[in-house]
Amino acid sequence: MSKKVVIIGLGHLGAHVSQMLALRGIADEIVGIDYNKKKEWGEIQDLSDMLPYLGTQTKIRSGSYEDLADADIAVLTACGKICDEDRLQELSGSIAVIDQILPEVQKNHFHGTMVILTNPCDLIAYYVNQKIDADVIGTGTALDSARLRSRVAAALNLAPSDIQGYCIGEHGDSQTILWSQTRAGGVLADKLLTPEQMRKIEQDTVTAGCEIALHKGSTEFGIGMAACEIIQAILGDEHRILPCSVDPKGAYGQSGLFTSVPCIISREGAVPLKELDLTSDEMAKFTASCDMLKDMIQKMS
């Protein structure tokens, strides 16, 4: 069965997601849409020029919202002005852009899974979920969790693939690092790291996105790969565990918002994993993060 992905927004991030999907052979057909048709044409032509070297049958082309009718995945990267200090400040601008897109999504009867990369990710995912009749998943803390793993690995001189760990809650400053669940080769990381190392890792993990944006204007490679991991898990029906932004539907005592928890990702979407045993401090931080997001949702209303 052909696997079709529509990328909505071909800025730096949308273009890199398209490239990574093609390089990894995740999608058979990648369709790009951008309001700037001149840029759309240029990105599609540039991306197409790499295809002969890949040895795959992947096709990349320009399209329209009509392509959503039979798409498996829609990737939303379109956004307003990027803020390099606080993702929450991007909310009003992003909603203004998305409000122009969602009627087209509904009109063309999209019934696949929409993966949200637009920041602030949790709030935008919640907003989109209220507006369309399709599954919605935000990339959430999939990227933050990768940042955590890479920093723990660097501190221990190990491969990131040997580190297991999750950040949950907001994809932003209030996220919670689950040190009680962070392991290196099965050993709890807090038995291998000093308190000072853990504080440094936590600070670097939380602030990484803003620091990158301050230096280069945006993030694109890490979040692009995080999105591809989620898309691959869906299209490949992998039943893979990744943290992403969904409605917890009662998990950890939370519902009525989108926030990141570890999920089983497959063709059925993202289903929250059985609750992890959090410490009282971790649960308190996660609850505070959710309360902040709920407060923002009320203000959005």
C-alpha atoms as a PDB file:
ATOM      1  CA  MET A   1       0.000   0.000   0.000  1.00  0.00           C
ATOM      2  CA  SER A   2       1.381   3.394  -1.030  1.00  0.00           C
ATOM      3  CA  LYS A   3       2.341   5.699   1.830  1.00  0.00           C
ATOM      4  CA  LYS A   4       1.523   9.347   1.191  1.00  0.00           C
ATOM      5  CA  VAL A   5       2.655  12.283   3.331  1.00  0.00           C
ATOM      6  CA  VAL A   6       1.601  15.897   2.794  1.00  0.00           C
ATOM      7  CA  ILE A   7       3.885  18.593   4.222  1.00  0.00           C
ATOM      8  CA  ILE A   8       2.055  21.849   5.004  1.00  0.00           C
ATOM      9  CA  GLY A   9       4.666  24.591   5.137  1.00  0.00           C
ATOM     10  CA  LEU A  10       7.974  24.344   3.260  1.00  0.00           C
ATOM     11  CA  GLY A  11      10.179  26.569   5.358  1.00  0.00           C
ATOM     12  CA  HIS A  12      13.424  25.238   6.827  1.00  0.00           C
ATOM     13  CA  LEU A  13      11.584  22.654   8.908  1.00  0.00           C
ATOM     14  CA  GLY A  14       9.126  21.435   6.292  1.00  0.00           C
ATOM     15  CA  ALA A  15      11.906  21.075   3.744  1.00  0.00           C
ATOM     16  CA  HIS A  16      14.082  19.097   6.160  1.00  0.00           C
ATOM     17  CA  VAL A  17      11.232  16.781   7.135  1.00  0.00           C
ATOM     18  CA  SER A  18      10.656  16.143   3.428  1.00  0.00           C
ATOM     19  CA  GLN A  19      14.340  15.404   2.916  1.00  0.00           C
ATOM     20  CA  MET A  20      14.562  13.033   5.881  1.00  0.00           C
ATOM     21  CA  LEU A  21      11.424  11.150   4.844  1.00  0.00           C
ATOM     22  CA  ALA A  22      12.936  10.624   1.408  1.00  0.00           C
ATOM     23  CA  LEU A  23      16.420   9.709   2.646  1.00  0.00           C
ATOM     24  CA  ARG A  24      15.002   7.056   4.959  1.00  0.00           C
ATOM     25  CA  GLY A  25      12.464   5.745   2.468  1.00  0.00           C
ATOM     26  CA  ILE A  26       9.614   6.258   4.916  1.00  0.00           C
ATOM     27  CA  ALA A  27       7.090   7.576   2.387  1.00  0.00           C
ATOM     28  CA  ASP A  28       6.381   6.596  -1.205  1.00  0.00           C
ATOM     29  CA  GLU A  29       4.939  10.007  -2.059  1.00  0.00           C
ATOM     30  CA  ILE A  30       5.789  13.343  -0.450  1.00  0.00           C
ATOM     31  CA  VAL A  31       3.631  16.312  -1.383  1.00  0.00           C
ATOM     32  CA  GLY A  32       4.663  19.846  -0.438  1.00  0.00           C
ATOM     33  CA  ILE A  33       2.325  22.810   0.048  1.00  0.00           C
ATOM     34  CA  ASP A  34       3.338  26.375   0.866  1.00  0.00           C
ATOM     35  CA  TYR A  35       1.528  29.704   0.596  1.00  0.00           C
ATOM     36  CA  ASN A  36       4.663  31.079  -1.091  1.00  0.00           C
ATOM     37  CA  LYS A  37       4.386  29.286  -4.422  1.00  0.00           C
ATOM     38  CA  LYS A  38       7.752  30.536  -5.646  1.00  0.00           C
ATOM     39  CA  LYS A  39       9.485  29.012  -2.628  1.00  0.00           C
ATOM     40  CA  GLU A  40       7.375  25.864  -2.905  1.00  0.00           C
ATOM     41  CA  TRP A  41       8.530  25.354  -6.493  1.00  0.00           C
ATOM     42  CA  GLY A  42      12.174  25.904  -5.567  1.00  0.00           C
ATOM     43  CA  GLU A  43      12.135  23.547  -2.587  1.00  0.00           C
ATOM     44  CA  ILE A  44      10.388  20.779  -4.518  1.00  0.00           C
ATOM     45  CA  GLN A  45      12.793  21.052  -7.440  1.00  0.00           C
ATOM     46  CA  ASP A  46      15.807  21.065  -5.129  1.00  0.00           C
ATOM     47  CA  LEU A  47      14.518  18.064  -3.170  1.00  0.00           C
ATOM     48  CA  SER A  48      13.719  16.203  -6.387  1.00  0.00           C
ATOM     49  CA  ASP A  49      17.302  16.578  -7.564  1.00  0.00           C
ATOM     50  CA  MET A  50      18.527  14.273  -4.789  1.00  0.00           C
ATOM     51  CA  LEU A  51      16.160  11.421  -5.655  1.00  0.00           C
ATOM     52  CA  PRO A  52      18.290   9.774  -8.383  1.00  0.00           C
ATOM     53  CA  TYR A  53      20.991   9.130  -5.784  1.00  0.00           C
ATOM     54  CA  LEU A  54      18.704   7.394  -3.293  1.00  0.00           C
ATOM     55  CA  GLY A  55      17.888   4.209  -5.149  1.00  0.00           C
ATOM     56  CA  THR A  56      14.256   4.367  -4.018  1.00  0.00           C
ATOM     57  CA  GLN A  57      10.941   4.952  -5.759  1.00  0.00           C
ATOM     58  CA  THR A  58      10.031   7.912  -3.546  1.00  0.00           C
ATOM     59  CA  LYS A  59       8.297  10.731  -5.402  1.00  0.00           C
ATOM     60  CA  ILE A  60       8.350  14.382  -4.311  1.00  0.00           C
ATOM     61  CA  ARG A  61       6.050  16.945  -5.891  1.00  0.00           C
ATOM     62  CA  SER A  62       4.138  20.158  -5.357  1.00  0.00           C
ATOM     63  CA  GLY A  63       0.488  19.732  -4.553  1.00  0.00           C
ATOM     64  CA  SER A  64      -2.637  21.300  -3.149  1.00  0.00           C
ATOM     65  CA  TYR A  65      -4.925  20.725  -0.206  1.00  0.00           C
ATOM     66  CA  GLU A  66      -6.889  18.322  -2.391  1.00  0.00           C
ATOM     67  CA  ASP A  67      -4.008  15.891  -1.856  1.00  0.00           C
ATOM     68  CA  LEU A  68      -5.145  15.513   1.750  1.00  0.00           C
ATOM     69  CA  ALA A  69      -8.132  13.438   0.654  1.00  0.00           C
ATOM     70  CA  ASP A  70      -6.059  10.255   0.338  1.00  0.00           C
ATOM     71  CA  ALA A  71      -3.026  11.164   2.467  1.00  0.00           C
ATOM     72  CA  ASP A  72      -1.940   8.939   5.335  1.00  0.00           C
ATOM     73  CA  ILE A  73      -0.104  11.709   7.166  1.00  0.00           C
ATOM     74  CA  ALA A  74      -0.280  15.493   7.127  1.00  0.00           C
ATOM     75  CA  VAL A  75       2.657  17.305   8.718  1.00  0.00           C
ATOM     76  CA  LEU A  76       1.896  20.809   9.967  1.00  0.00           C
ATOM     77  CA  THR A  77       4.970  23.035  10.146  1.00  0.00           C
ATOM     78  CA  ALA A  78       3.398  26.362   9.122  1.00  0.00           C
ATOM     79  CA  CYS A  79       3.710  28.976  11.855  1.00  0.00           C
ATOM     80  CA  GLY A  80       3.776  32.655  12.682  1.00  0.00           C
ATOM     81  CA  LYS A  81       6.826  34.581  13.816  1.00  0.00           C
ATOM     82  CA  ILE A  82       9.352  32.388  15.653  1.00  0.00           C
ATOM     83  CA  CYS A  83      10.266  33.559  19.161  1.00  0.00           C
ATOM     84  CA  ASP A  84      13.710  32.523  20.375  1.00  0.00           C
ATOM     85  CA  GLU A  85      12.933  33.035  24.077  1.00  0.00           C
ATOM     86  CA  ASP A  86       9.539  31.463  24.809  1.00  0.00           C
ATOM     87  CA  ARG A  87       7.512  29.170  22.537  1.00  0.00           C
ATOM     88  CA  LEU A  88       4.283  30.317  24.203  1.00  0.00           C
ATOM     89  CA  GLN A  89       4.779  33.769  22.696  1.00  0.00           C
ATOM     90  CA  GLU A  90       4.288  32.216  19.254  1.00  0.00           C
ATOM     91  CA  LEU A  91       0.694  31.170  19.990  1.00  0.00           C
ATOM     92  CA  SER A  92      -1.375  33.999  18.510  1.00  0.00           C
ATOM     93  CA  GLY A  93       0.702  34.231  15.338  1.00  0.00           C
ATOM     94  CA  SER A  94       0.602  30.483  14.784  1.00  0.00           C
ATOM     95  CA  ILE A  95      -3.170  30.307  15.291  1.00  0.00           C
ATOM     96  CA  ALA A  96      -3.671  33.113  12.772  1.00  0.00           C
ATOM     97  CA  VAL A  97      -1.753  31.081  10.183  1.00  0.00           C
ATOM     98  CA  ILE A  98      -3.426  27.785  11.061  1.00  0.00           C
ATOM     99  CA  ASP A  99      -6.913  29.289  10.876  1.00  0.00           C
ATOM    100  CA  GLN A 100      -6.277  29.791   7.163  1.00  0.00           C
ATOM    101  CA  ILE A 101      -5.271  26.143   6.734  1.00  0.00           C
ATOM    102  CA  LEU A 102      -7.804  24.160   8.767  1.00  0.00           C
ATOM    103  CA  PRO A 103     -10.860  24.957   6.598  1.00  0.00           C
ATOM    104  CA  GLU A 104      -8.958  23.440   3.663  1.00  0.00           C
ATOM    105  CA  VAL A 105      -8.182  20.353   5.740  1.00  0.00           C
ATOM    106  CA  GLN A 106     -11.851  19.881   6.561  1.00  0.00           C
ATOM    107  CA  LYS A 107     -13.079  20.681   3.055  1.00  0.00           C
ATOM    108  CA  ASN A 108     -10.860  17.977   1.582  1.00  0.00           C
ATOM    109  CA  HIS A 109     -11.968  15.322   4.070  1.00  0.00           C
ATOM    110  CA  PHE A 110      -8.587  14.451   5.548  1.00  0.00           C
ATOM    111  CA  HIS A 111      -8.938  11.343   7.703  1.00  0.00           C
ATOM    112  CA  GLY A 112      -5.323  10.364   8.283  1.00  0.00           C
ATOM    113  CA  THR A 113      -3.075  11.469  11.134  1.00  0.00           C
ATOM    114  CA  MET A 114      -1.947  15.071  11.456  1.00  0.00           C
ATOM    115  CA  VAL A 115       1.473  15.469  13.068  1.00  0.00           C
ATOM    116  CA  ILE A 116       1.920  18.902  14.630  1.00  0.00           C
ATOM    117  CA  LEU A 117       5.352  20.539  14.683  1.00  0.00           C
ATOM    118  CA  THR A 118       4.122  24.130  14.930  1.00  0.00           C
ATOM    119  CA  ASN A 119       4.927  25.786  18.256  1.00  0.00           C
ATOM    120  CA  PRO A 120       3.716  26.051  20.918  1.00  0.00           C
ATOM    121  CA  CYS A 121       3.238  22.417  20.022  1.00  0.00           C
ATOM    122  CA  ASP A 122       0.937  21.241  22.832  1.00  0.00           C
ATOM    123  CA  LEU A 123      -1.473  24.151  22.513  1.00  0.00           C
ATOM    124  CA  ILE A 124      -1.539  24.036  18.721  1.00  0.00           C
ATOM    125  CA  ALA A 125      -2.150  20.268  18.777  1.00  0.00           C
ATOM    126  CA  TYR A 126      -5.049  20.788  21.194  1.00  0.00           C
ATOM    127  CA  TYR A 127      -6.444  23.597  19.033  1.00  0.00           C
ATOM    128  CA  VAL A 128      -6.208  21.590  15.810  1.00  0.00           C
ATOM    129  CA  ASN A 129      -7.779  18.565  17.478  1.00  0.00           C
ATOM    130  CA  GLN A 130     -10.838  20.666  18.301  1.00  0.00           C
ATOM    131  CA  LYS A 131     -11.200  21.771  14.685  1.00  0.00           C
ATOM    132  CA  ILE A 132     -10.713  18.710  12.465  1.00  0.00           C
ATOM    133  CA  ASP A 133     -12.077  15.172  12.218  1.00  0.00           C
ATOM    134  CA  ALA A 134      -8.753  13.342  12.184  1.00  0.00           C
ATOM    135  CA  ASP A 135      -6.183  11.935  14.575  1.00  0.00           C
ATOM    136  CA  VAL A 136      -3.798  14.579  15.892  1.00  0.00           C
ATOM    137  CA  ILE A 137      -0.363  13.994  17.424  1.00  0.00           C
ATOM    138  CA  GLY A 138       2.076  16.678  18.516  1.00  0.00           C
ATOM    139  CA  THR A 139       5.797  15.950  18.401  1.00  0.00           C
ATOM    140  CA  GLY A 140       5.917  17.319  21.950  1.00  0.00           C
ATOM    141  CA  THR A 141       8.835  16.125  24.041  1.00  0.00           C
ATOM    142  CA  ALA A 142      10.051  13.498  21.563  1.00  0.00           C
ATOM    143  CA  LEU A 143      12.807  15.984  20.750  1.00  0.00           C
ATOM    144  CA  ASP A 144      13.443  16.949  24.375  1.00  0.00           C
ATOM    145  CA  SER A 145      13.775  13.277  25.293  1.00  0.00           C
ATOM    146  CA  ALA A 146      16.361  12.819  22.539  1.00  0.00           C
ATOM    147  CA  ARG A 147      18.247  15.832  23.884  1.00  0.00           C
ATOM    148  CA  LEU A 148      18.162  14.298  27.360  1.00  0.00           C
ATOM    149  CA  ARG A 149      19.502  10.979  26.095  1.00  0.00           C
ATOM    150  CA  SER A 150      22.316  12.597  24.127  1.00  0.00           C
ATOM    151  CA  ARG A 151      23.425  14.695  27.102  1.00  0.00           C
ATOM    152  CA  VAL A 152      23.342  11.771  29.528  1.00  0.00           C
ATOM    153  CA  ALA A 153      25.296   9.716  26.991  1.00  0.00           C
ATOM    154  CA  ALA A 154      27.907  12.451  26.601  1.00  0.00           C
ATOM    155  CA  ALA A 155      28.360  12.749  30.358  1.00  0.00           C
ATOM    156  CA  LEU A 156      28.853   8.976  30.678  1.00  0.00           C
ATOM    157  CA  ASN A 157      30.824   8.520  27.429  1.00  0.00           C
ATOM    158  CA  LEU A 158      28.213   6.097  26.119  1.00  0.00           C
ATOM    159  CA  ALA A 159      26.192   5.762  22.936  1.00  0.00           C
ATOM    160  CA  PRO A 160      22.853   7.644  23.041  1.00  0.00           C
ATOM    161  CA  SER A 161      21.156   4.460  21.830  1.00  0.00           C
ATOM    162  CA  ASP A 162      22.072   2.845  25.164  1.00  0.00           C
ATOM    163  CA  ILE A 163      20.256   5.536  27.155  1.00  0.00           C
ATOM    164  CA  GLN A 164      16.557   5.301  27.933  1.00  0.00           C
ATOM    165  CA  GLY A 165      14.801   8.341  29.310  1.00  0.00           C
ATOM    166  CA  TYR A 166      11.787  10.571  28.936  1.00  0.00           C
ATOM    167  CA  CYS A 167      10.796  14.179  29.311  1.00  0.00           C
ATOM    168  CA  ILE A 168       7.048  14.626  29.798  1.00  0.00           C
ATOM    169  CA  GLY A 169       4.654  17.548  30.008  1.00  0.00           C
ATOM    170  CA  GLU A 170       4.977  20.733  27.994  1.00  0.00           C
ATOM    171  CA  HIS A 171       7.378  20.992  25.088  1.00  0.00           C
ATOM    172  CA  GLY A 172       8.811  24.040  26.801  1.00  0.00           C
ATOM    173  CA  ASP A 173      10.165  25.414  30.041  1.00  0.00           C
ATOM    174  CA  SER A 174       7.800  23.498  32.349  1.00  0.00           C
ATOM    175  CA  GLN A 175       8.670  20.037  31.012  1.00  0.00           C
ATOM    176  CA  THR A 176       9.537  17.336  33.533  1.00  0.00           C
ATOM    177  CA  ILE A 177      12.614  15.143  33.207  1.00  0.00           C
ATOM    178  CA  LEU A 178      11.915  11.694  34.620  1.00  0.00           C
ATOM    179  CA  TRP A 179      15.180  10.861  36.329  1.00  0.00           C
ATOM    180  CA  SER A 180      13.414   7.942  38.015  1.00  0.00           C
ATOM    181  CA  GLN A 181      13.023   6.372  34.560  1.00  0.00           C
ATOM    182  CA  THR A 182      16.356   7.396  33.002  1.00  0.00           C
ATOM    183  CA  ARG A 183      18.738   4.477  32.609  1.00  0.00           C
ATOM    184  CA  ALA A 184      22.052   3.622  31.004  1.00  0.00           C
ATOM    185  CA  GLY A 185      22.253  -0.055  30.161  1.00  0.00           C
ATOM    186  CA  GLY A 186      19.532  -0.748  32.716  1.00  0.00           C
ATOM    187  CA  VAL A 187      21.271   1.184  35.515  1.00  0.00           C
ATOM    188  CA  LEU A 188      19.502   4.263  36.862  1.00  0.00           C
ATOM    189  CA  ALA A 189      21.311   7.367  35.653  1.00  0.00           C
ATOM    190  CA  ASP A 190      21.245   8.978  39.096  1.00  0.00           C
ATOM    191  CA  LYS A 191      23.549   6.181  40.288  1.00  0.00           C
ATOM    192  CA  LEU A 192      26.081   7.097  37.601  1.00  0.00           C
ATOM    193  CA  LEU A 193      25.818  10.895  37.498  1.00  0.00           C
ATOM    194  CA  THR A 194      26.627  13.459  40.161  1.00  0.00           C
ATOM    195  CA  PRO A 195      23.890  15.879  41.295  1.00  0.00           C
ATOM    196  CA  GLU A 196      25.824  18.667  39.586  1.00  0.00           C
ATOM    197  CA  GLN A 197      25.913  16.723  36.306  1.00  0.00           C
ATOM    198  CA  MET A 198      22.178  16.071  36.551  1.00  0.00           C
ATOM    199  CA  ARG A 199      21.400  19.746  37.138  1.00  0.00           C
ATOM    200  CA  LYS A 200      23.526  20.721  34.150  1.00  0.00           C
ATOM    201  CA  ILE A 201      21.908  18.103  31.913  1.00  0.00           C
ATOM    202  CA  GLU A 202      18.438  19.207  32.983  1.00  0.00           C
ATOM    203  CA  GLN A 203      19.186  22.872  32.311  1.00  0.00           C
ATOM    204  CA  ASP A 204      20.774  22.143  28.936  1.00  0.00           C
ATOM    205  CA  THR A 205      17.886  19.894  27.896  1.00  0.00           C
ATOM    206  CA  VAL A 206      15.196  22.433  28.749  1.00  0.00           C
ATOM    207  CA  THR A 207      16.952  25.442  27.211  1.00  0.00           C
ATOM    208  CA  ALA A 208      18.443  23.739  24.126  1.00  0.00           C
ATOM    209  CA  GLY A 209      15.751  24.805  21.686  1.00  0.00           C
ATOM    210  CA  CYS A 210      15.856  28.463  22.663  1.00  0.00           C
ATOM    211  CA  GLU A 211      19.657  28.485  22.621  1.00  0.00           C
ATOM    212  CA  ILE A 212      19.731  27.034  19.119  1.00  0.00           C
ATOM    213  CA  ALA A 213      17.134  29.548  17.933  1.00  0.00           C
ATOM    214  CA  LEU A 214      19.130  32.406  19.456  1.00  0.00           C
ATOM    215  CA  HIS A 215      22.180  31.341  17.465  1.00  0.00           C
ATOM    216  CA  LYS A 216      20.658  30.368  14.101  1.00  0.00           C
ATOM    217  CA  GLY A 217      17.063  31.616  14.118  1.00  0.00           C
ATOM    218  CA  SER A 218      15.218  28.298  14.376  1.00  0.00           C
ATOM    219  CA  THR A 219      15.558  24.585  15.028  1.00  0.00           C
ATOM    220  CA  GLU A 220      15.133  22.156  12.155  1.00  0.00           C
ATOM    221  CA  PHE A 221      17.330  19.041  12.158  1.00  0.00           C
ATOM    222  CA  GLY A 222      16.523  17.552  15.567  1.00  0.00           C
ATOM    223  CA  ILE A 223      12.805  18.264  15.397  1.00  0.00           C
ATOM    224  CA  GLY A 224      12.742  17.086  11.792  1.00  0.00           C
ATOM    225  CA  MET A 225      14.170  13.729  12.823  1.00  0.00           C
ATOM    226  CA  ALA A 226      11.788  13.477  15.792  1.00  0.00           C
ATOM    227  CA  ALA A 227       8.865  13.988  13.421  1.00  0.00           C
ATOM    228  CA  CYS A 228      10.219  11.332  11.056  1.00  0.00           C
ATOM    229  CA  GLU A 229      10.479   8.823  13.900  1.00  0.00           C
ATOM    230  CA  ILE A 230       6.809   9.392  14.734  1.00  0.00           C
ATOM    231  CA  ILE A 231       5.745   9.212  11.083  1.00  0.00           C
ATOM    232  CA  GLN A 232       7.736   6.011  10.525  1.00  0.00           C
ATOM    233  CA  ALA A 233       6.157   4.428  13.601  1.00  0.00           C
ATOM    234  CA  ILE A 234       2.686   5.244  12.264  1.00  0.00           C
ATOM    235  CA  LEU A 235       3.198   4.200   8.649  1.00  0.00           C
ATOM    236  CA  GLY A 236       5.166   1.104   9.616  1.00  0.00           C
ATOM    237  CA  ASP A 237       2.652   0.129  12.314  1.00  0.00           C
ATOM    238  CA  GLU A 238       5.666  -0.307  14.576  1.00  0.00           C
ATOM    239  CA  HIS A 239       3.964  -0.125  17.992  1.00  0.00           C
ATOM    240  CA  ARG A 240       6.955   1.893  19.104  1.00  0.00           C
ATOM    241  CA  ILE A 241       7.158   3.770  22.400  1.00  0.00           C
ATOM    242  CA  LEU A 242       7.889   7.480  22.026  1.00  0.00           C
ATOM    243  CA  PRO A 243       6.856  10.485  24.102  1.00  0.00           C
ATOM    244  CA  CYS A 244       4.525  12.747  22.138  1.00  0.00           C
ATOM    245  CA  SER A 245       1.760  15.249  22.751  1.00  0.00           C
ATOM    246  CA  VAL A 246      -1.728  13.754  23.023  1.00  0.00           C
ATOM    247  CA  ASP A 247      -4.770  13.971  25.253  1.00  0.00           C
ATOM    248  CA  PRO A 248      -3.747  11.681  28.148  1.00  0.00           C
ATOM    249  CA  LYS A 249      -7.414  10.685  28.597  1.00  0.00           C
ATOM    250  CA  GLY A 250      -7.036  10.113  32.309  1.00  0.00           C
ATOM    251  CA  ALA A 251      -3.420   8.946  32.425  1.00  0.00           C
ATOM    252  CA  TYR A 252      -1.581  10.538  35.339  1.00  0.00           C
ATOM    253  CA  GLY A 253      -4.891  12.141  36.317  1.00  0.00           C
ATOM    254  CA  GLN A 254      -4.913  14.395  33.250  1.00  0.00           C
ATOM    255  CA  SER A 255      -7.368  14.951  30.406  1.00  0.00           C
ATOM    256  CA  GLY A 256      -8.797  17.796  28.365  1.00  0.00           C
ATOM    257  CA  LEU A 257      -5.428  19.020  27.108  1.00  0.00           C
ATOM    258  CA  PHE A 258      -2.551  17.917  24.915  1.00  0.00           C
ATOM    259  CA  THR A 259       0.701  17.197  26.713  1.00  0.00           C
ATOM    260  CA  SER A 260       3.517  14.704  26.289  1.00  0.00           C
ATOM    261  CA  VAL A 261       3.488  11.262  27.856  1.00  0.00           C
ATOM    262  CA  PRO A 262       5.123   8.049  26.604  1.00  0.00           C
ATOM    263  CA  CYS A 263       2.852   6.546  23.938  1.00  0.00           C
ATOM    264  CA  ILE A 264       2.623   3.411  21.843  1.00  0.00           C
ATOM    265  CA  ILE A 265       2.636   4.665  18.247  1.00  0.00           C
ATOM    266  CA  SER A 266       1.212   2.620  15.380  1.00  0.00           C
ATOM    267  CA  ARG A 267      -1.339   2.814  12.579  1.00  0.00           C
ATOM    268  CA  GLU A 268      -3.908   3.272  15.339  1.00  0.00           C
ATOM    269  CA  GLY A 269      -2.276   6.556  16.357  1.00  0.00           C
ATOM    270  CA  ALA A 270      -0.651   7.327  19.706  1.00  0.00           C
ATOM    271  CA  VAL A 271      -1.996   5.541  22.775  1.00  0.00           C
ATOM    272  CA  PRO A 272      -0.626   6.503  26.213  1.00  0.00           C
ATOM    273  CA  LEU A 273       1.530   3.753  27.701  1.00  0.00           C
ATOM    274  CA  LYS A 274       0.572   2.296  31.055  1.00  0.00           C
ATOM    275  CA  GLU A 275       1.466   4.874  33.696  1.00  0.00           C
ATOM    276  CA  LEU A 276       5.074   4.936  34.835  1.00  0.00           C
ATOM    277  CA  ASP A 277       5.862   5.019  38.551  1.00  0.00           C
ATOM    278  CA  LEU A 278       6.765   8.673  39.027  1.00  0.00           C
ATOM    279  CA  THR A 279       8.237  10.112  42.187  1.00  0.00           C
ATOM    280  CA  SER A 280       6.084  12.567  44.117  1.00  0.00           C
ATOM    281  CA  ASP A 281       8.314  15.411  42.915  1.00  0.00           C
ATOM    282  CA  GLU A 282       8.012  14.334  39.278  1.00  0.00           C
ATOM    283  CA  MET A 283       4.241  14.029  39.567  1.00  0.00           C
ATOM    284  CA  ALA A 284       4.019  17.479  41.155  1.00  0.00           C
ATOM    285  CA  LYS A 285       6.097  19.029  38.359  1.00  0.00           C
ATOM    286  CA  PHE A 286       4.080  17.263  35.672  1.00  0.00           C
ATOM    287  CA  THR A 287       0.808  18.378  37.263  1.00  0.00           C
ATOM    288  CA  ALA A 288       2.064  21.967  37.428  1.00  0.00           C
ATOM    289  CA  SER A 289       3.022  21.793  33.748  1.00  0.00           C
ATOM    290  CA  CYS A 290      -0.438  20.508  32.842  1.00  0.00           C
ATOM    291  CA  ASP A 291      -2.096  23.195  34.963  1.00  0.00           C
ATOM    292  CA  MET A 292      -0.146  25.845  33.064  1.00  0.00           C
ATOM    293  CA  LEU A 293      -1.256  24.392  29.721  1.00  0.00           C
ATOM    294  CA  LYS A 294      -4.877  24.220  30.895  1.00  0.00           C
ATOM    295  CA  ASP A 295      -4.672  27.860  31.926  1.00  0.00           C
ATOM    296  CA  MET A 296      -3.416  28.747  28.449  1.00  0.00           C
ATOM    297  CA  ILE A 297      -6.252  26.725  26.896  1.00  0.00           C
ATOM    298  CA  GLN A 298      -8.756  28.731  28.935  1.00  0.00           C
ATOM    299  CA  LYS A 299      -7.197  31.945  27.659  1.00  0.00           C
ATOM    300  CA  MET A 300      -7.376  30.631  24.096  1.00  0.00           C
ATOM    301  CA  SER A 301     -11.110  30.079  24.565  1.00  0.00           C
END
